Amino acid sequence: MTQPHFLQTLQRHTSNPLLTIEDITWDYKKKRSIMFPSVIDMSDKLDNSIDRYYMYLASHGGREIGFATAPTLEGPWTMQKEAVLHIDNCPAVKGHLSSPEIIYYNNRFILYYHGGCPPEVLEEQNRRMPTHYYRRIQNSGAATSTDGIHFDIHPDPLLLPITTPDHWRAATNMYLRVVPTENGCHGFFMTMSREEADYNNETKKLPKEQRRGRPHPTSIGHAYSPDGLDWTLDETGAILTAEEIYGEHQRIRHIGCTLIDDTHILATYSCFANINATFESIFAATLQINGQAVRPVHKHGTILTPQGEWEKQNVRDPFPIFHDKKLYLYYAGGGEKGIGLAISA
């Protein structure tokens, strides 16, 4: 499938990076990083928003989720001092709090996040249906709000339990992105097949020097929800996996999605672009909505490769949003040291 015009004409914003690790106001725990931008237009949702646009952000292994605001999609972006979520208030996860995703659905904001899976959550999963084992189970959660700043925690973990004995994947789920539609929400998350989990578990047993050269394969799963909180897993298999024919190597890391029209979703995702996993680019695909399912997949190949001093060898965490018939693609670059933006012509 040929690339749509809005993918062929992406150009970086002249003010990149829009935000850097120097702007962080939240508890990043040990290592400063800024990643997983999620942007929402507040103009038709709030009467007294700080600015028209809010961007939710986190650190990779941090303890809080923060947000920035701007009058336009291009900025300037101002980091707000108040964090919107702290791990101590999120029983669905432990260890770290990351990957914020914001949507507005049924007259409320829903903020998604992930972290390590608490033992009691995994125990409940295994009580209901024993899962395929992966040594580092991660889990997703959600919180709801009427103003986009003060959130009430949804009590239950998301995307669990697995309920079919022949499930295709390990229980781990993370980096959830959600596309709301008139007929429910489609969720896309990083996970791994049973075969990928077995391979990664074997890798962990090897000496450190032998682990470096082995891939760490992951894939993207899909789920459907009528309200954004109660999810049904798609057990037909992965929606996206890395395919070398498209220049994708080893694993798909993080995904970002938006509606193209009523029946098609634009999926952008980061993946290693060389066999040695030293170079990370952003790729794209089109998904077709068919009721509660999304099939087939049409891949478009690479749409953004790292360049310049600040991006170094990787761009990841894409978040696409359309405005005035243009695609705005936010991303993290330089080992999650800053947030960049590319805009279509």
Protein backbone atom coordinates (compact mmCIF):
# COMPACT_ATOMS: atom_id res chain seq x y z
CA MET A 1 0.00 0.00 0.00
CA THR A 2 1.43 3.40 -0.96
CA GLN A 3 1.95 5.98 1.76
CA PRO A 4 -0.81 8.57 2.14
CA HIS A 5 0.18 12.18 1.40
CA PHE A 6 0.18 13.13 5.09
CA LEU A 7 2.87 10.52 5.78
CA GLN A 8 5.06 11.43 2.80
CA THR A 9 5.29 15.13 3.66
CA LEU A 10 6.19 15.11 7.37
CA GLN A 11 8.64 17.89 8.29
CA ARG A 12 10.15 18.53 11.70
CA HIS A 13 9.14 21.64 13.61
CA THR A 14 11.84 24.30 13.73
CA SER A 15 11.57 24.62 17.52
CA ASN A 16 12.35 20.97 18.29
CA PRO A 17 12.67 19.77 20.95
CA LEU A 18 9.46 21.28 22.28
CA LEU A 19 10.16 20.01 25.81
CA THR A 20 13.23 18.39 27.41
CA ILE A 21 14.18 16.64 30.62
CA GLU A 22 15.05 20.07 32.02
CA ASP A 23 11.31 20.85 32.02
CA ILE A 24 10.32 17.88 34.20
CA THR A 25 8.35 18.80 37.32
CA TRP A 26 7.20 15.32 38.39
CA ASP A 27 8.86 12.63 40.51
CA TYR A 28 11.05 10.74 38.03
CA LYS A 29 12.42 8.41 40.74
CA LYS A 30 15.99 7.62 39.59
CA LYS A 31 16.61 8.61 35.98
CA ARG A 32 15.28 11.67 34.22
CA SER A 33 13.51 10.88 30.96
CA ILE A 34 10.54 12.41 29.15
CA MET A 35 8.38 10.16 27.04
CA PHE A 36 5.01 8.93 25.76
CA PRO A 37 3.29 12.24 24.90
CA SER A 38 -0.50 12.18 24.68
CA VAL A 39 -2.20 15.37 23.44
CA ILE A 40 -5.86 16.42 23.66
CA ASP A 41 -7.81 19.46 22.45
CA MET A 42 -9.72 20.98 25.38
CA SER A 43 -11.54 23.69 23.40
CA ASP A 44 -14.79 21.73 23.10
CA LYS A 45 -14.51 19.95 26.46
CA LEU A 46 -13.78 22.58 29.13
CA ASP A 47 -15.02 26.14 29.60
CA ASN A 48 -12.01 27.26 31.64
CA SER A 49 -9.01 25.22 30.48
CA ILE A 50 -5.49 26.53 31.14
CA ASP A 51 -4.76 26.44 27.40
CA ARG A 52 -6.40 24.89 24.37
CA TYR A 53 -4.15 21.80 24.35
CA TYR A 54 -2.94 19.56 27.17
CA MET A 55 -0.04 17.12 26.75
CA TYR A 56 0.36 14.32 29.31
CA LEU A 57 3.88 12.96 29.87
CA ALA A 58 5.91 10.73 32.17
CA SER A 59 9.37 9.34 32.80
CA HIS A 60 10.13 5.75 31.83
CA GLY A 61 10.55 4.55 35.40
CA GLY A 62 9.01 7.44 37.33
CA ARG A 63 6.39 7.71 40.04
CA GLU A 64 4.14 10.48 38.69
CA ILE A 65 2.41 11.64 35.51
CA GLY A 66 2.68 15.31 34.61
CA PHE A 67 1.22 17.58 31.95
CA ALA A 68 2.05 20.59 29.82
CA THR A 69 -0.26 23.08 28.10
CA ALA A 70 -0.13 25.16 24.92
CA PRO A 71 -2.36 27.54 22.92
CA THR A 72 -1.58 25.69 19.65
CA LEU A 73 -0.37 22.23 18.69
CA GLU A 74 3.00 23.75 17.81
CA GLY A 75 3.34 25.37 21.23
CA PRO A 76 4.88 27.01 23.05
CA TRP A 77 4.42 24.26 25.61
CA THR A 78 4.47 25.14 29.32
CA MET A 79 5.04 22.40 31.86
CA GLN A 80 2.60 22.64 34.76
CA LYS A 81 3.91 22.13 38.28
CA GLU A 82 1.08 19.91 39.46
CA ALA A 83 1.30 16.18 38.73
CA VAL A 84 -2.04 14.60 37.86
CA LEU A 85 -1.33 11.09 39.15
CA HIS A 86 1.01 9.46 41.71
CA ILE A 87 1.83 5.77 41.95
CA ASP A 88 0.80 5.60 45.61
CA ASN A 89 -2.78 6.16 44.47
CA CYS A 90 -2.74 3.53 41.71
CA PRO A 91 -3.40 0.00 43.08
CA ALA A 92 -3.31 -1.57 39.59
CA VAL A 93 0.48 -1.10 39.37
CA LYS A 94 3.63 -1.14 41.48
CA GLY A 95 7.27 -0.08 41.09
CA HIS A 96 6.80 2.62 38.48
CA LEU A 97 4.08 4.68 36.79
CA SER A 98 4.38 5.57 33.12
CA SER A 99 2.89 5.81 29.58
CA PRO A 100 -0.04 8.22 30.05
CA GLU A 101 -2.79 8.10 27.42
CA ILE A 102 -5.69 10.56 27.60
CA ILE A 103 -9.09 10.35 25.87
CA TYR A 104 -12.46 12.05 26.33
CA TYR A 105 -15.39 9.64 26.17
CA ASN A 106 -18.94 9.67 27.54
CA ASN A 107 -18.43 13.19 28.93
CA ARG A 108 -15.37 12.36 31.02
CA PHE A 109 -11.63 12.15 30.65
CA ILE A 110 -9.98 8.75 30.96
CA LEU A 111 -6.25 8.62 31.70
CA TYR A 112 -4.53 5.28 31.10
CA TYR A 113 -1.18 4.26 32.57
CA HIS A 114 0.99 1.21 33.20
CA GLY A 115 3.53 -0.11 35.70
CA GLY A 116 4.69 -3.34 37.28
CA CYS A 117 1.97 -5.87 38.06
CA PRO A 118 1.23 -6.24 41.81
CA PRO A 119 1.42 -9.86 43.07
CA GLU A 120 -2.23 -9.88 44.14
CA VAL A 121 -3.36 -8.86 40.64
CA LEU A 122 -1.41 -11.70 39.05
CA GLU A 123 -2.62 -14.15 41.71
CA GLU A 124 -6.23 -13.26 40.91
CA GLN A 125 -5.54 -13.73 37.19
CA ASN A 126 -4.02 -17.16 37.76
CA ARG A 127 -6.88 -18.15 40.06
CA ARG A 128 -9.37 -17.45 37.27
CA MET A 129 -7.23 -18.71 34.38
CA PRO A 130 -3.57 -19.80 34.62
CA THR A 131 -1.50 -17.65 32.27
CA HIS A 132 1.57 -18.22 30.23
CA TYR A 133 4.52 -17.14 32.35
CA TYR A 134 6.72 -14.13 31.66
CA ARG A 135 9.24 -13.07 34.28
CA ARG A 136 8.42 -9.34 34.22
CA ILE A 137 4.66 -8.99 34.13
CA GLN A 138 3.44 -5.42 33.65
CA ASN A 139 -0.10 -4.14 33.91
CA SER A 140 -2.36 -1.25 32.87
CA GLY A 141 -4.78 0.90 34.85
CA ALA A 142 -7.05 3.91 34.40
CA ALA A 143 -8.35 7.01 36.16
CA THR A 144 -11.28 9.32 35.32
CA SER A 145 -11.76 13.07 35.60
CA THR A 146 -14.11 15.94 34.76
CA ASP A 147 -11.37 18.59 34.40
CA GLY A 148 -8.32 16.68 33.10
CA ILE A 149 -6.28 17.48 36.23
CA HIS A 150 -7.95 15.87 39.24
CA PHE A 151 -8.48 12.15 38.68
CA ASP A 152 -10.39 9.39 40.45
CA ILE A 153 -8.74 5.98 40.23
CA HIS A 154 -10.64 3.23 38.47
CA PRO A 155 -10.48 0.35 40.98
CA ASP A 156 -9.81 -2.54 38.60
CA PRO A 157 -6.74 -3.39 36.49
CA LEU A 158 -7.29 -3.28 32.74
CA LEU A 159 -6.81 -5.93 30.04
CA LEU A 160 -7.00 -8.74 32.58
CA PRO A 161 -8.16 -11.37 33.10
CA ILE A 162 -7.27 -13.63 30.23
CA THR A 163 -10.26 -15.97 30.06
CA THR A 164 -9.53 -18.49 27.29
CA PRO A 165 -7.25 -21.48 27.93
CA ASP A 166 -5.77 -21.23 24.43
CA HIS A 167 -4.84 -17.53 24.77
CA TRP A 168 -2.08 -16.51 22.37
CA ARG A 169 -0.11 -14.17 24.63
CA ALA A 170 1.52 -13.80 28.02
CA ALA A 171 -0.41 -11.79 30.61
CA THR A 172 1.87 -8.75 30.40
CA ASN A 173 0.35 -5.58 28.91
CA MET A 174 1.73 -2.04 28.76
CA TYR A 175 1.88 1.22 26.77
CA LEU A 176 -1.85 1.21 26.06
CA ARG A 177 -3.15 3.60 23.39
CA VAL A 178 -6.91 4.06 22.92
CA VAL A 179 -8.94 5.25 19.92
CA PRO A 180 -12.48 6.33 20.86
CA THR A 181 -15.19 5.99 18.19
CA GLU A 182 -18.96 6.43 18.08
CA ASN A 183 -19.29 2.68 18.61
CA GLY A 184 -16.82 2.08 21.44
CA CYS A 185 -13.08 2.22 22.04
CA HIS A 186 -10.25 0.28 20.43
CA GLY A 187 -7.16 -0.31 22.56
CA PHE A 188 -3.66 -1.21 21.38
CA PHE A 189 -0.96 -2.36 23.78
CA MET A 190 2.52 -3.83 23.85
CA THR A 191 2.62 -7.50 24.86
CA MET A 192 4.27 -10.69 23.68
CA SER A 193 3.14 -14.00 22.29
CA ARG A 194 3.72 -17.19 24.25
CA GLU A 195 6.65 -18.00 21.95
CA GLU A 196 8.13 -14.52 22.45
CA ALA A 197 7.75 -14.86 26.21
CA ASP A 198 9.52 -18.24 26.20
CA TYR A 199 12.39 -16.81 24.16
CA ASN A 200 12.74 -13.76 26.42
CA ASN A 201 12.68 -15.93 29.54
CA GLU A 202 15.53 -18.05 28.13
CA THR A 203 17.48 -14.88 27.33
CA LYS A 204 17.30 -13.80 30.97
CA LYS A 205 19.03 -17.02 32.06
CA LEU A 206 22.10 -16.35 29.89
CA PRO A 207 25.27 -14.57 31.03
CA LYS A 208 25.12 -10.80 30.49
CA GLU A 209 27.59 -10.80 27.60
CA GLN A 210 25.46 -13.36 25.72
CA ARG A 211 22.19 -11.50 26.32
CA ARG A 212 23.36 -8.38 24.50
CA GLY A 213 23.22 -9.93 21.05
CA ARG A 214 19.78 -11.53 21.39
CA PRO A 215 16.53 -9.87 20.32
CA HIS A 216 13.77 -9.08 22.82
CA PRO A 217 10.68 -9.63 20.66
CA THR A 218 7.35 -8.02 21.52
CA SER A 219 4.13 -7.41 19.58
CA ILE A 220 0.99 -5.26 19.66
CA GLY A 221 -2.29 -6.68 20.92
CA HIS A 222 -5.83 -5.34 20.55
CA ALA A 223 -8.86 -5.04 22.81
CA TYR A 224 -12.33 -3.50 22.52
CA SER A 225 -14.38 -1.61 25.11
CA PRO A 226 -17.88 -0.10 24.96
CA ASP A 227 -16.99 2.52 27.59
CA GLY A 228 -13.17 2.75 27.74
CA LEU A 229 -12.93 0.84 31.03
CA ASP A 230 -14.43 -2.64 30.56
CA TRP A 231 -12.24 -4.38 27.97
CA THR A 232 -12.62 -7.53 25.88
CA LEU A 233 -9.35 -8.95 24.58
CA ASP A 234 -8.90 -9.85 20.94
CA GLU A 235 -7.70 -13.45 21.17
CA THR A 236 -7.16 -13.94 17.43
CA GLY A 237 -3.49 -12.97 17.68
CA ALA A 238 -1.21 -9.96 17.44
CA ILE A 239 -2.32 -6.92 15.41
CA LEU A 240 1.25 -5.85 14.63
CA THR A 241 4.59 -7.67 14.73
CA ALA A 242 8.01 -6.60 13.46
CA GLU A 243 8.59 -7.64 9.83
CA GLU A 244 12.01 -7.24 8.26
CA ILE A 245 10.49 -6.81 4.79
CA TYR A 246 9.32 -3.37 6.01
CA GLY A 247 12.65 -2.55 7.67
CA GLU A 248 11.34 -3.51 11.13
CA HIS A 249 13.64 -5.53 13.36
CA GLN A 250 13.24 -7.53 16.58
CA ARG A 251 10.24 -5.85 18.20
CA ILE A 252 7.61 -3.18 18.07
CA ARG A 253 8.08 -1.02 21.12
CA HIS A 254 5.43 1.71 21.48
CA ILE A 255 2.39 2.64 19.42
CA GLY A 256 0.27 5.76 18.88
CA CYS A 257 -3.07 5.79 17.03
CA THR A 258 -5.76 8.12 15.73
CA LEU A 259 -8.79 7.94 13.45
CA ILE A 260 -8.30 8.69 9.76
CA ASP A 261 -12.04 8.39 9.07
CA ASP A 262 -14.99 6.43 10.45
CA THR A 263 -13.59 3.06 9.36
CA HIS A 264 -9.79 3.45 9.40
CA ILE A 265 -7.18 3.95 12.12
CA LEU A 266 -3.69 5.33 11.59
CA ALA A 267 -1.22 3.35 13.71
CA THR A 268 2.25 4.82 14.20
CA TYR A 269 4.82 2.79 16.10
CA SER A 270 8.52 2.70 16.93
CA CYS A 271 10.71 -0.23 16.00
CA PHE A 272 14.39 -1.00 15.62
CA ALA A 273 15.46 -0.17 12.08
CA ASN A 274 18.59 -2.31 11.91
CA ILE A 275 19.43 -5.88 12.84
CA ASN A 276 21.81 -4.80 15.63
CA ALA A 277 19.04 -2.83 17.39
CA THR A 278 21.11 0.35 17.62
CA PHE A 279 18.83 2.55 15.51
CA GLU A 280 15.13 3.18 16.18
CA SER A 281 12.65 4.74 13.74
CA ILE A 282 8.91 5.37 13.52
CA PHE A 283 6.74 3.34 11.15
CA ALA A 284 3.07 3.48 10.17
CA ALA A 285 0.18 1.20 9.24
CA THR A 286 -3.53 1.53 8.48
CA LEU A 287 -6.03 -0.61 10.39
CA GLN A 288 -9.58 -1.17 9.18
CA ILE A 289 -12.37 -1.14 11.76
CA ASN A 290 -14.82 -4.01 11.41
CA GLY A 291 -17.24 -3.85 14.32
CA GLN A 292 -15.29 -4.74 17.46
CA ALA A 293 -12.32 -5.99 15.42
CA VAL A 294 -9.55 -4.22 13.52
CA ARG A 295 -8.35 -6.02 10.41
CA PRO A 296 -6.65 -6.10 7.99
CA VAL A 297 -3.32 -4.31 8.45
CA HIS A 298 -1.69 -2.34 5.64
CA LYS A 299 1.87 -1.33 6.51
CA HIS A 300 3.37 1.87 5.09
CA GLY A 301 7.01 1.47 6.15
CA THR A 302 9.25 4.11 7.73
CA ILE A 303 7.86 7.62 8.23
CA LEU A 304 10.47 9.20 10.54
CA THR A 305 14.13 8.37 11.16
CA PRO A 306 16.35 9.98 13.82
CA GLN A 307 18.46 12.91 12.74
CA GLY A 308 20.33 15.79 14.33
CA GLU A 309 22.22 16.10 17.57
CA TRP A 310 19.36 15.91 20.05
CA GLU A 311 17.58 12.89 18.51
CA LYS A 312 20.79 10.85 18.35
CA GLN A 313 19.98 7.23 17.34
CA ASN A 314 16.32 6.89 18.21
CA VAL A 315 12.83 8.34 17.84
CA ARG A 316 9.99 6.55 19.62
CA ASP A 317 6.68 6.97 21.48
CA PRO A 318 4.76 8.44 18.52
CA PHE A 319 1.47 10.23 19.07
CA PRO A 320 -0.48 11.32 15.94
CA ILE A 321 -3.29 13.87 15.84
CA PHE A 322 -5.04 15.46 12.84
CA HIS A 323 -5.89 19.17 12.73
CA ASP A 324 -6.93 21.30 9.73
CA LYS A 325 -6.24 18.35 7.40
CA LYS A 326 -2.65 18.11 8.64
CA LEU A 327 -1.02 15.33 10.63
CA TYR A 328 0.85 16.39 13.76
CA LEU A 329 3.18 13.64 14.96
CA TYR A 330 4.71 14.01 18.43
CA TYR A 331 7.55 11.74 19.50
CA ALA A 332 10.34 11.25 22.04
CA GLY A 333 13.94 11.45 20.85
CA GLY A 334 17.53 11.11 22.00
CA GLY A 335 16.95 8.31 24.47
CA GLU A 336 13.84 10.05 25.84
CA LYS A 337 15.64 13.34 26.44
CA GLY A 338 13.10 15.51 24.61
CA ILE A 339 9.75 15.72 22.81
CA GLY A 340 9.71 16.54 19.10
CA LEU A 341 7.03 17.32 16.52
CA ALA A 342 6.72 16.65 12.79
CA ILE A 343 3.89 18.14 10.69
CA SER A 344 2.59 17.14 7.26
CA ALA A 345 2.30 19.66 4.43
